[in-house]
Amino acid sequence: MAAATAVVTPSGLEDGVSRSRGEGAGEVVVERGPGAAYHMFVVMEDLVEKLKLLHYEEELLRKNNLKPPSRHYFALPTNPGEQFYMFCTLAAWLINKAGRPFEQPQEYDDPNATISNILSELRSFGRTADFPPSKLKSGFGEHICYVLDCLAEEALKYIGFTWKRPSYPVEELEEETVPEDDAELTLNKVDEEFVEEETDNEENFIDLNVLKAQTYRLDMNESAKQEDILESTTDAAEWSLEVERVLPQLKVTIRTDNKDWRNHVDQMHQHKSGIESALKETKGFLDKLHNEISRTLEKIGSREKYINNQLEHLVQEYRAAQAQLSEARERYQQGNGGVTERTRLLSEVTEELEKVKQEMEEKGSSMTDGAPLVKIKQSLTKLKQETVQMDIRIGVVEHTLLQSKLKEKSNMTRDMHATVIPESAVGSY
């Protein structure tokens, strides 16, 4: 009966893959679901989180000058050689973190031996590895993610890492304070508030009767207020405190626009005045530097002329020596060319001499060697024997032929005598 439920992989995660027993002993037939192709991406993301818990960035990557792998580094093929080296390095480090001594693999080590060592260590932890080792040579895939995830779990178990309950921060109610940015009232905010008020007023319906009643009440209130204002009961100190409190909110700041041509003109004038003031200071330094360089060049020119006058005879001797050296080099080149030609001729003559010597040695060896003569004698003896045998065969054949001829002749004479009848016999009848 085939099972169609999800099984838990050795890494402790449900992969949504159903398994059923095959007919062979111990053979497991894997029935992969539609989401099994993306399971290695989930395992790879879990692996990256576990490696961060093991502080692999400080202990491994920085020491070996390695780049941190991405969240799907071993799930997708990018560079098989680099991925396989990264896999071996991570596996060796995780095995050491799990309390097992394991040598760090090098770049030129045998990959088969390295893979077999890693799988043997994985099996020593009690993990199953029912796949061929050649699956790990590619450097990416679900088997790579599975091996590294198992080793990371063993390393976390060895260091005693346990998952704790999440602690949520307690949110405290903040006191309502006026932010400093809202203390300044800009023209944009004023325009926005004005537009909002206009839209709110337009949304309300206007009733003429209500409007007349409101205007009448306002007029009555204003007349009453005007009579009250004649005598002010407000304290000056309280008024000044209220003014100081409200003053920051009434401050209007106009932000300059960088695209305005007036600002550009002002900046140009400022830069021009700065350049002119800086030029006055630097021009004196440049003139002074120019004068010093001119005097130095004049001194160098006069010193050069003096040195040339003092060393003129040495220069002439040097030129004559250079001319002699060039002539000697030309003669050397010519002589070297003749020597090369004669060396080539000598090599050709030597080769011909070697050939002649070899031919002379072959002829001398053939003349002094008696092997050909012995072969000739043996051949003659064999020919004589064959001649004798042929003569005997010819004699036998001739004898046989002669006998056959004689026999034939006797037969013919006998037949002739038998056919001739005597006359005496004829007369008797």
Protein backbone atom coordinates (compact mmCIF):
# COMPACT_ATOMS: atom_id res chain seq x y z
CA MET A 1 0.00 0.00 0.00
CA ALA A 2 1.59 3.28 -1.08
CA ALA A 3 1.88 6.01 1.52
CA ALA A 4 0.90 9.54 0.46
CA THR A 5 1.78 11.52 3.60
CA ALA A 6 4.62 13.98 4.12
CA VAL A 7 7.74 12.62 5.79
CA VAL A 8 10.26 14.43 7.94
CA THR A 9 13.73 14.56 6.46
CA PRO A 10 16.86 13.91 8.57
CA SER A 11 17.23 17.65 8.97
CA GLY A 12 13.93 17.82 10.89
CA LEU A 13 11.82 19.63 8.28
CA GLU A 14 8.78 18.36 6.40
CA ASP A 15 9.60 18.46 2.71
CA GLY A 16 6.21 17.41 1.35
CA VAL A 17 7.74 14.34 -0.38
CA SER A 18 5.94 11.01 -0.04
CA ARG A 19 7.97 7.80 0.20
CA SER A 20 6.98 4.17 -0.33
CA ARG A 21 8.84 0.86 0.04
CA GLY A 22 10.03 -0.80 -3.14
CA GLU A 23 10.24 -4.46 -3.83
CA GLY A 24 14.01 -4.70 -3.17
CA ALA A 25 15.28 -5.07 0.34
CA GLY A 26 15.99 -1.65 1.84
CA GLU A 27 15.20 0.21 -1.40
CA VAL A 28 13.22 3.42 -0.97
CA VAL A 29 11.25 4.83 -3.88
CA VAL A 30 10.84 8.60 -3.63
CA GLU A 31 7.65 10.17 -4.97
CA ARG A 32 8.44 13.86 -5.35
CA GLY A 33 5.64 16.38 -4.99
CA PRO A 34 5.29 19.64 -6.95
CA GLY A 35 6.99 21.68 -4.21
CA ALA A 36 10.03 19.41 -3.82
CA ALA A 37 11.99 21.35 -6.45
CA TYR A 38 11.89 24.45 -4.22
CA HIS A 39 12.61 22.69 -0.94
CA MET A 40 16.36 23.19 -1.25
CA PHE A 41 15.82 26.99 -1.31
CA VAL A 42 14.13 26.74 2.10
CA VAL A 43 16.93 24.51 3.44
CA MET A 44 19.55 26.94 2.10
CA GLU A 45 17.90 29.91 3.84
CA ASP A 46 17.78 27.95 7.12
CA LEU A 47 21.45 27.04 6.61
CA VAL A 48 22.45 30.71 6.26
CA GLU A 49 20.65 31.57 9.51
CA LYS A 50 22.35 28.67 11.33
CA LEU A 51 25.75 29.75 10.02
CA LYS A 52 25.11 33.27 11.34
CA LEU A 53 24.30 31.78 14.74
CA LEU A 54 27.68 30.00 14.60
CA HIS A 55 29.45 33.33 13.81
CA TYR A 56 30.91 32.01 10.56
CA GLU A 57 31.53 35.50 9.20
CA GLU A 58 34.11 36.33 11.88
CA GLU A 59 35.62 32.87 12.37
CA LEU A 60 35.72 31.60 8.77
CA LEU A 61 35.11 34.19 6.06
CA ARG A 62 37.37 36.96 7.36
CA LYS A 63 40.23 34.58 8.17
CA ASN A 64 40.16 32.99 4.70
CA ASN A 65 39.25 36.18 2.81
CA LEU A 66 36.04 34.62 1.43
CA LYS A 67 32.91 36.36 0.27
CA PRO A 68 29.73 35.64 2.26
CA PRO A 69 27.43 33.30 0.29
CA SER A 70 24.02 34.49 -0.76
CA ARG A 71 20.77 33.03 0.57
CA HIS A 72 20.51 30.74 -2.48
CA TYR A 73 24.24 30.17 -3.10
CA PHE A 74 24.19 26.34 -3.10
CA ALA A 75 20.70 26.07 -4.60
CA LEU A 76 21.56 27.52 -8.02
CA PRO A 77 24.55 26.74 -10.30
CA THR A 78 26.90 29.72 -10.73
CA ASN A 79 30.53 28.51 -10.66
CA PRO A 80 30.88 24.76 -9.93
CA GLY A 81 34.56 24.92 -9.00
CA GLU A 82 34.13 27.84 -6.60
CA GLN A 83 30.95 26.34 -5.12
CA PHE A 84 32.64 22.97 -4.51
CA TYR A 85 35.60 24.66 -2.78
CA MET A 86 33.19 26.71 -0.64
CA PHE A 87 31.26 23.54 0.25
CA CYS A 88 34.43 21.69 1.33
CA THR A 89 35.61 24.68 3.38
CA LEU A 90 32.24 25.10 5.15
CA ALA A 91 31.92 21.35 5.77
CA ALA A 92 35.41 21.13 7.31
CA TRP A 93 34.75 24.16 9.51
CA LEU A 94 31.37 22.79 10.69
CA ILE A 95 32.92 19.40 11.49
CA ASN A 96 35.57 21.13 13.60
CA LYS A 97 32.85 23.20 15.28
CA ALA A 98 31.00 19.95 16.06
CA GLY A 99 34.00 18.70 18.06
CA ARG A 100 35.58 16.43 15.44
CA PRO A 101 39.13 17.11 14.18
CA PHE A 102 39.08 17.57 10.43
CA GLU A 103 41.82 19.04 8.22
CA GLN A 104 40.94 22.00 6.06
CA PRO A 105 40.85 20.80 2.40
CA GLN A 106 43.16 22.49 -0.05
CA GLU A 107 42.46 23.54 -3.62
CA TYR A 108 44.49 20.74 -5.24
CA ASP A 109 43.26 17.85 -3.05
CA ASP A 110 41.51 14.85 -4.55
CA PRO A 111 37.77 15.69 -4.60
CA ASN A 112 36.72 12.05 -4.25
CA ALA A 113 38.80 11.59 -1.10
CA THR A 114 37.50 14.86 0.38
CA ILE A 115 33.86 13.89 -0.31
CA SER A 116 34.33 10.42 1.18
CA ASN A 117 35.87 11.91 4.34
CA ILE A 118 32.99 14.38 4.73
CA LEU A 119 30.36 11.66 4.25
CA SER A 120 32.11 9.37 6.74
CA GLU A 121 32.06 12.17 9.34
CA LEU A 122 28.37 12.79 8.53
CA ARG A 123 27.56 9.11 9.08
CA SER A 124 29.52 9.14 12.34
CA PHE A 125 27.00 11.72 13.65
CA GLY A 126 24.20 9.22 12.96
CA ARG A 127 22.97 10.94 9.81
CA THR A 128 21.98 9.03 6.69
CA ALA A 129 23.61 9.67 3.30
CA ASP A 130 21.75 7.36 0.90
CA PHE A 131 22.95 9.04 -2.28
CA PRO A 132 26.05 8.54 -4.47
CA PRO A 133 29.09 10.73 -3.61
CA SER A 134 29.20 11.99 -7.20
CA LYS A 135 26.14 14.15 -6.42
CA LEU A 136 28.37 16.42 -4.31
CA LYS A 137 30.97 17.06 -7.04
CA SER A 138 28.80 19.63 -8.80
CA GLY A 139 28.97 21.97 -5.77
CA PHE A 140 25.24 22.78 -5.76
CA GLY A 141 21.92 21.03 -5.32
CA GLU A 142 19.71 19.57 -2.62
CA HIS A 143 22.32 17.06 -1.48
CA ILE A 144 24.86 19.83 -0.82
CA CYS A 145 22.27 21.80 1.18
CA TYR A 146 21.28 18.65 3.11
CA VAL A 147 24.87 17.78 4.12
CA LEU A 148 25.71 21.32 5.24
CA ASP A 149 22.40 21.68 7.10
CA CYS A 150 23.02 18.43 9.02
CA LEU A 151 26.56 19.50 9.93
CA ALA A 152 25.29 22.94 11.07
CA GLU A 153 22.71 21.29 13.33
CA GLU A 154 25.38 19.05 14.86
CA ALA A 155 27.59 22.09 15.48
CA LEU A 156 24.72 23.93 17.18
CA LYS A 157 24.06 20.86 19.36
CA TYR A 158 27.74 20.68 20.31
CA ILE A 159 27.94 24.32 21.45
CA GLY A 160 24.69 23.86 23.41
CA PHE A 161 22.57 26.31 21.46
CA THR A 162 18.86 26.25 22.29
CA TRP A 163 15.99 28.25 20.88
CA LYS A 164 14.36 30.57 23.43
CA ARG A 165 10.97 32.15 23.52
CA PRO A 166 10.78 35.52 21.78
CA SER A 167 10.75 38.54 24.08
CA TYR A 168 8.55 41.36 22.82
CA PRO A 169 9.43 44.92 23.88
CA VAL A 170 6.93 46.81 26.00
CA GLU A 171 5.62 49.84 24.18
CA GLU A 172 5.57 52.95 26.37
CA LEU A 173 3.21 55.82 25.74
CA GLU A 174 5.21 58.82 24.66
CA GLU A 175 4.33 62.29 25.82
CA GLU A 176 2.88 64.52 23.21
CA THR A 177 5.49 67.09 22.35
CA VAL A 178 5.54 69.64 19.64
CA PRO A 179 8.29 68.67 17.17
CA GLU A 180 10.86 71.27 16.34
CA ASP A 181 10.18 70.95 12.64
CA ASP A 182 6.54 72.03 13.13
CA ALA A 183 7.63 75.10 15.06
CA GLU A 184 8.48 76.82 11.81
CA LEU A 185 5.61 77.81 9.58
CA THR A 186 6.59 77.69 5.92
CA LEU A 187 4.79 79.21 2.97
CA ASN A 188 4.02 75.75 1.57
CA LYS A 189 2.21 74.75 4.79
CA VAL A 190 0.28 78.01 4.79
CA ASP A 191 -0.84 77.44 1.20
CA GLU A 192 -1.84 73.84 1.99
CA GLU A 193 -3.90 74.88 5.03
CA PHE A 194 -5.52 77.63 3.02
CA VAL A 195 -6.46 75.22 0.24
CA GLU A 196 -7.87 72.74 2.79
CA GLU A 197 -10.01 75.43 4.40
CA GLU A 198 -11.35 76.47 1.01
CA THR A 199 -12.26 72.91 0.10
CA ASP A 200 -13.98 72.41 3.48
CA ASN A 201 -16.01 75.58 3.02
CA GLU A 202 -17.00 74.59 -0.50
CA GLU A 203 -18.28 71.23 0.69
CA ASN A 204 -20.79 72.85 3.09
CA PHE A 205 -24.12 74.11 1.74
CA ILE A 206 -24.83 77.82 2.29
CA ASP A 207 -28.19 78.80 3.72
CA LEU A 208 -29.09 82.50 3.27
CA ASN A 209 -31.32 82.71 6.30
CA VAL A 210 -28.69 81.15 8.53
CA LEU A 211 -26.09 83.47 7.05
CA LYS A 212 -28.22 86.54 7.81
CA ALA A 213 -28.76 85.42 11.39
CA GLN A 214 -25.05 84.79 11.83
CA THR A 215 -24.11 88.20 10.42
CA TYR A 216 -26.64 89.89 12.72
CA ARG A 217 -25.25 88.10 15.77
CA LEU A 218 -21.68 88.94 14.71
CA ASP A 219 -22.55 92.59 14.34
CA MET A 220 -24.12 92.62 17.79
CA ASN A 221 -21.11 90.86 19.30
CA GLU A 222 -18.67 93.21 17.60
CA SER A 223 -20.52 96.26 18.86
CA ALA A 224 -20.47 94.81 22.37
CA LYS A 225 -16.79 93.96 22.08
CA GLN A 226 -15.91 97.43 20.84
CA GLU A 227 -17.54 98.85 23.94
CA ASP A 228 -15.58 96.35 26.11
CA ILE A 229 -12.26 97.11 24.42
CA LEU A 230 -12.37 100.67 25.57
CA GLU A 231 -11.07 99.38 28.91
CA SER A 232 -8.47 96.52 28.74
CA THR A 233 -8.28 94.10 31.64
CA THR A 234 -5.32 92.02 30.22
CA ASP A 235 -2.07 91.90 32.24
CA ALA A 236 1.02 93.05 30.29
CA ALA A 237 3.23 90.30 31.77
CA GLU A 238 0.78 87.57 30.76
CA TRP A 239 0.49 89.16 27.32
CA SER A 240 4.28 89.11 26.81
CA LEU A 241 4.49 85.45 28.01
CA GLU A 242 1.75 84.50 25.56
CA VAL A 243 3.59 86.33 22.77
CA GLU A 244 6.86 84.47 23.57
CA ARG A 245 5.02 81.14 23.63
CA VAL A 246 3.28 81.65 20.29
CA LEU A 247 6.15 83.47 18.53
CA PRO A 248 7.97 80.30 17.22
CA GLN A 249 4.76 79.10 15.60
CA LEU A 250 4.23 82.47 13.88
CA LYS A 251 7.69 82.52 12.35
CA VAL A 252 7.54 82.44 8.54
CA THR A 253 10.58 81.18 6.64
CA ILE A 254 10.91 81.44 2.91
CA ARG A 255 13.02 78.68 1.38
CA THR A 256 15.19 79.78 -1.47
CA ASP A 257 14.80 78.05 -4.79
CA ASN A 258 18.09 76.92 -6.30
CA LYS A 259 16.67 77.25 -9.80
CA ASP A 260 16.03 81.02 -9.45
CA TRP A 261 18.27 83.06 -11.80
CA ARG A 262 18.67 85.81 -9.18
CA ASN A 263 20.34 83.34 -6.83
CA HIS A 264 22.60 82.26 -9.67
CA VAL A 265 23.61 85.85 -10.36
CA ASP A 266 24.32 86.49 -6.67
CA GLN A 267 26.43 83.34 -6.51
CA MET A 268 28.33 84.38 -9.63
CA HIS A 269 29.11 87.79 -8.07
CA GLN A 270 30.21 86.13 -4.83
CA HIS A 271 32.45 83.68 -6.64
CA LYS A 272 33.89 86.48 -8.79
CA SER A 273 34.78 88.57 -5.75
CA GLY A 274 36.31 85.48 -4.08
CA ILE A 275 38.36 84.66 -7.18
CA GLU A 276 39.61 88.26 -7.46
CA SER A 277 40.62 88.38 -3.79
CA ALA A 278 42.36 84.99 -4.05
CA LEU A 279 44.05 86.00 -7.31
CA LYS A 280 45.61 89.09 -5.70
CA GLU A 281 47.23 86.92 -3.05
CA THR A 282 48.32 84.07 -5.33
CA LYS A 283 49.57 86.33 -8.13
CA GLY A 284 52.39 87.65 -5.95
CA PHE A 285 53.44 84.10 -4.99
CA LEU A 286 53.29 83.01 -8.63
CA ASP A 287 55.39 85.97 -9.79
CA LYS A 288 57.94 85.26 -7.11
CA LEU A 289 58.03 81.58 -8.03
CA HIS A 290 58.40 82.49 -11.73
CA ASN A 291 61.36 84.76 -11.00
CA GLU A 292 63.05 82.07 -8.91
CA ILE A 293 62.55 79.46 -11.62
CA SER A 294 63.90 81.85 -14.28
CA ARG A 295 67.05 82.56 -12.24
CA THR A 296 67.52 78.85 -11.59
CA LEU A 297 67.21 78.03 -15.29
CA GLU A 298 69.77 80.72 -16.15
CA LYS A 299 72.17 79.28 -13.61
CA ILE A 300 71.64 75.78 -14.99
CA GLY A 301 72.22 77.00 -18.58
CA SER A 302 75.47 78.80 -17.68
CA ARG A 303 76.68 75.80 -15.67
CA GLU A 304 75.88 73.50 -18.58
CA LYS A 305 77.89 75.67 -20.98
CA TYR A 306 80.85 75.69 -18.58
CA ILE A 307 80.73 71.91 -18.20
CA ASN A 308 80.52 71.44 -21.99
CA ASN A 309 83.58 73.68 -22.51
CA GLN A 310 85.56 71.83 -19.82
CA LEU A 311 84.64 68.36 -21.08
CA GLU A 312 84.77 69.02 -24.82
CA HIS A 313 87.98 67.01 -25.40
CA LEU A 314 86.59 64.14 -23.35
CA VAL A 315 83.41 64.23 -25.42
CA GLN A 316 85.46 64.08 -28.62
CA GLU A 317 87.45 61.12 -27.29
CA TYR A 318 84.21 59.44 -26.33
CA ARG A 319 82.80 59.98 -29.83
CA ALA A 320 85.98 58.55 -31.40
CA ALA A 321 85.76 55.54 -29.08
CA GLN A 322 82.11 55.10 -30.06
CA ALA A 323 83.06 55.15 -33.75
CA GLN A 324 85.81 52.55 -33.16
CA LEU A 325 83.39 50.42 -31.20
CA SER A 326 80.82 50.53 -34.01
CA GLU A 327 83.50 49.55 -36.56
CA ALA A 328 84.64 46.69 -34.35
CA ARG A 329 81.05 45.52 -33.99
CA GLU A 330 80.60 45.56 -37.77
CA ARG A 331 83.77 43.51 -38.25
CA TYR A 332 82.61 41.14 -35.56
CA GLN A 333 79.25 40.75 -37.29
CA GLN A 334 80.95 40.03 -40.61
CA GLY A 335 83.37 37.55 -39.03
CA ASN A 336 80.52 35.93 -37.12
CA GLY A 337 78.58 35.53 -40.38
CA GLY A 338 81.59 33.84 -42.05
CA VAL A 339 82.07 31.55 -39.09
CA THR A 340 78.38 30.59 -39.21
CA GLU A 341 78.61 29.79 -42.94
CA ARG A 342 81.75 27.72 -42.49
CA THR A 343 80.19 25.91 -39.54
CA ARG A 344 77.24 24.99 -41.72
CA LEU A 345 79.55 23.72 -44.50
CA LEU A 346 81.53 21.75 -41.92
CA SER A 347 78.38 20.12 -40.63
CA GLU A 348 77.34 19.15 -44.19
CA VAL A 349 80.81 17.71 -44.96
CA THR A 350 80.75 15.83 -41.64
CA GLU A 351 77.36 14.33 -42.49
CA GLU A 352 78.63 13.21 -45.94
CA LEU A 353 81.75 11.75 -44.33
CA GLU A 354 79.65 9.81 -41.86
CA LYS A 355 77.54 8.42 -44.70
CA VAL A 356 80.66 7.33 -46.65
CA LYS A 357 82.14 5.72 -43.54
CA GLN A 358 78.90 3.85 -42.93
CA GLU A 359 78.85 2.58 -46.55
CA MET A 360 82.50 1.51 -46.35
CA GLU A 361 81.85 -0.35 -43.12
CA GLU A 362 78.86 -2.15 -44.66
CA LYS A 363 80.87 -3.17 -47.75
CA GLY A 364 83.87 -4.28 -45.67
CA SER A 365 81.67 -6.33 -43.38
CA SER A 366 79.96 -7.93 -46.38
CA MET A 367 83.35 -8.74 -47.99
CA THR A 368 84.89 -10.30 -44.90
CA ASP A 369 81.78 -12.08 -43.82
CA GLY A 370 81.57 -15.76 -45.03
CA ALA A 371 77.92 -16.14 -44.31
CA PRO A 372 76.82 -15.35 -47.90
CA LEU A 373 79.30 -17.88 -49.31
CA VAL A 374 78.04 -20.57 -46.96
CA LYS A 375 74.50 -19.76 -48.01
CA ILE A 376 75.51 -20.06 -51.69
CA LYS A 377 77.14 -23.44 -51.09
CA GLN A 378 74.12 -24.68 -49.23
CA SER A 379 71.91 -23.49 -52.05
CA LEU A 380 74.08 -25.29 -54.66
CA THR A 381 74.01 -28.52 -52.67
CA LYS A 382 70.27 -28.25 -52.38
CA LEU A 383 70.00 -27.61 -56.12
CA LYS A 384 72.13 -30.70 -56.88
CA GLN A 385 69.98 -32.86 -54.67
CA GLU A 386 66.87 -31.54 -56.31
CA THR A 387 68.45 -32.16 -59.76
CA VAL A 388 69.23 -35.81 -58.86
CA GLN A 389 65.70 -36.28 -57.63
CA MET A 390 64.33 -34.75 -60.79
CA ASP A 391 66.56 -37.04 -62.93
CA ILE A 392 65.30 -40.10 -61.06
CA ARG A 393 61.73 -38.95 -61.49
CA ILE A 394 62.37 -38.33 -65.22
CA GLY A 395 63.89 -41.86 -65.61
CA VAL A 396 60.98 -43.45 -63.86
CA VAL A 397 58.54 -41.52 -66.00
CA GLU A 398 60.43 -42.46 -69.17
CA HIS A 399 60.51 -46.10 -68.14
CA THR A 400 56.80 -46.05 -67.40
CA LEU A 401 56.12 -44.40 -70.73
CA LEU A 402 58.28 -46.94 -72.59
CA GLN A 403 56.47 -49.80 -70.91
CA SER A 404 53.14 -48.34 -71.82
CA LYS A 405 54.26 -47.90 -75.42
CA LEU A 406 55.54 -51.47 -75.65
CA LYS A 407 52.36 -52.82 -74.12
CA GLU A 408 50.30 -50.84 -76.53
CA LYS A 409 52.36 -52.09 -79.49
CA SER A 410 52.02 -55.70 -78.39
CA ASN A 411 48.31 -55.26 -78.02
CA MET A 412 48.11 -53.82 -81.50
CA THR A 413 50.06 -56.72 -83.07
CA ARG A 414 47.93 -59.21 -81.26
CA ASP A 415 44.81 -57.60 -82.51
CA MET A 416 46.17 -57.58 -86.01
CA HIS A 417 46.99 -61.33 -85.92
CA ALA A 418 43.62 -62.11 -84.51
CA THR A 419 41.78 -60.35 -87.31
CA VAL A 420 43.76 -62.09 -90.21
CA ILE A 421 42.14 -65.51 -91.09
CA PRO A 422 44.31 -68.23 -92.72
CA GLU A 423 43.34 -69.40 -96.24
CA SER A 424 43.52 -73.12 -95.35
CA ALA A 425 40.86 -72.54 -92.73
CA VAL A 426 38.66 -70.76 -95.25
CA GLY A 427 38.86 -73.68 -97.78
CA SER A 428 37.75 -76.28 -95.30
CA TYR A 429 34.36 -74.60 -94.91
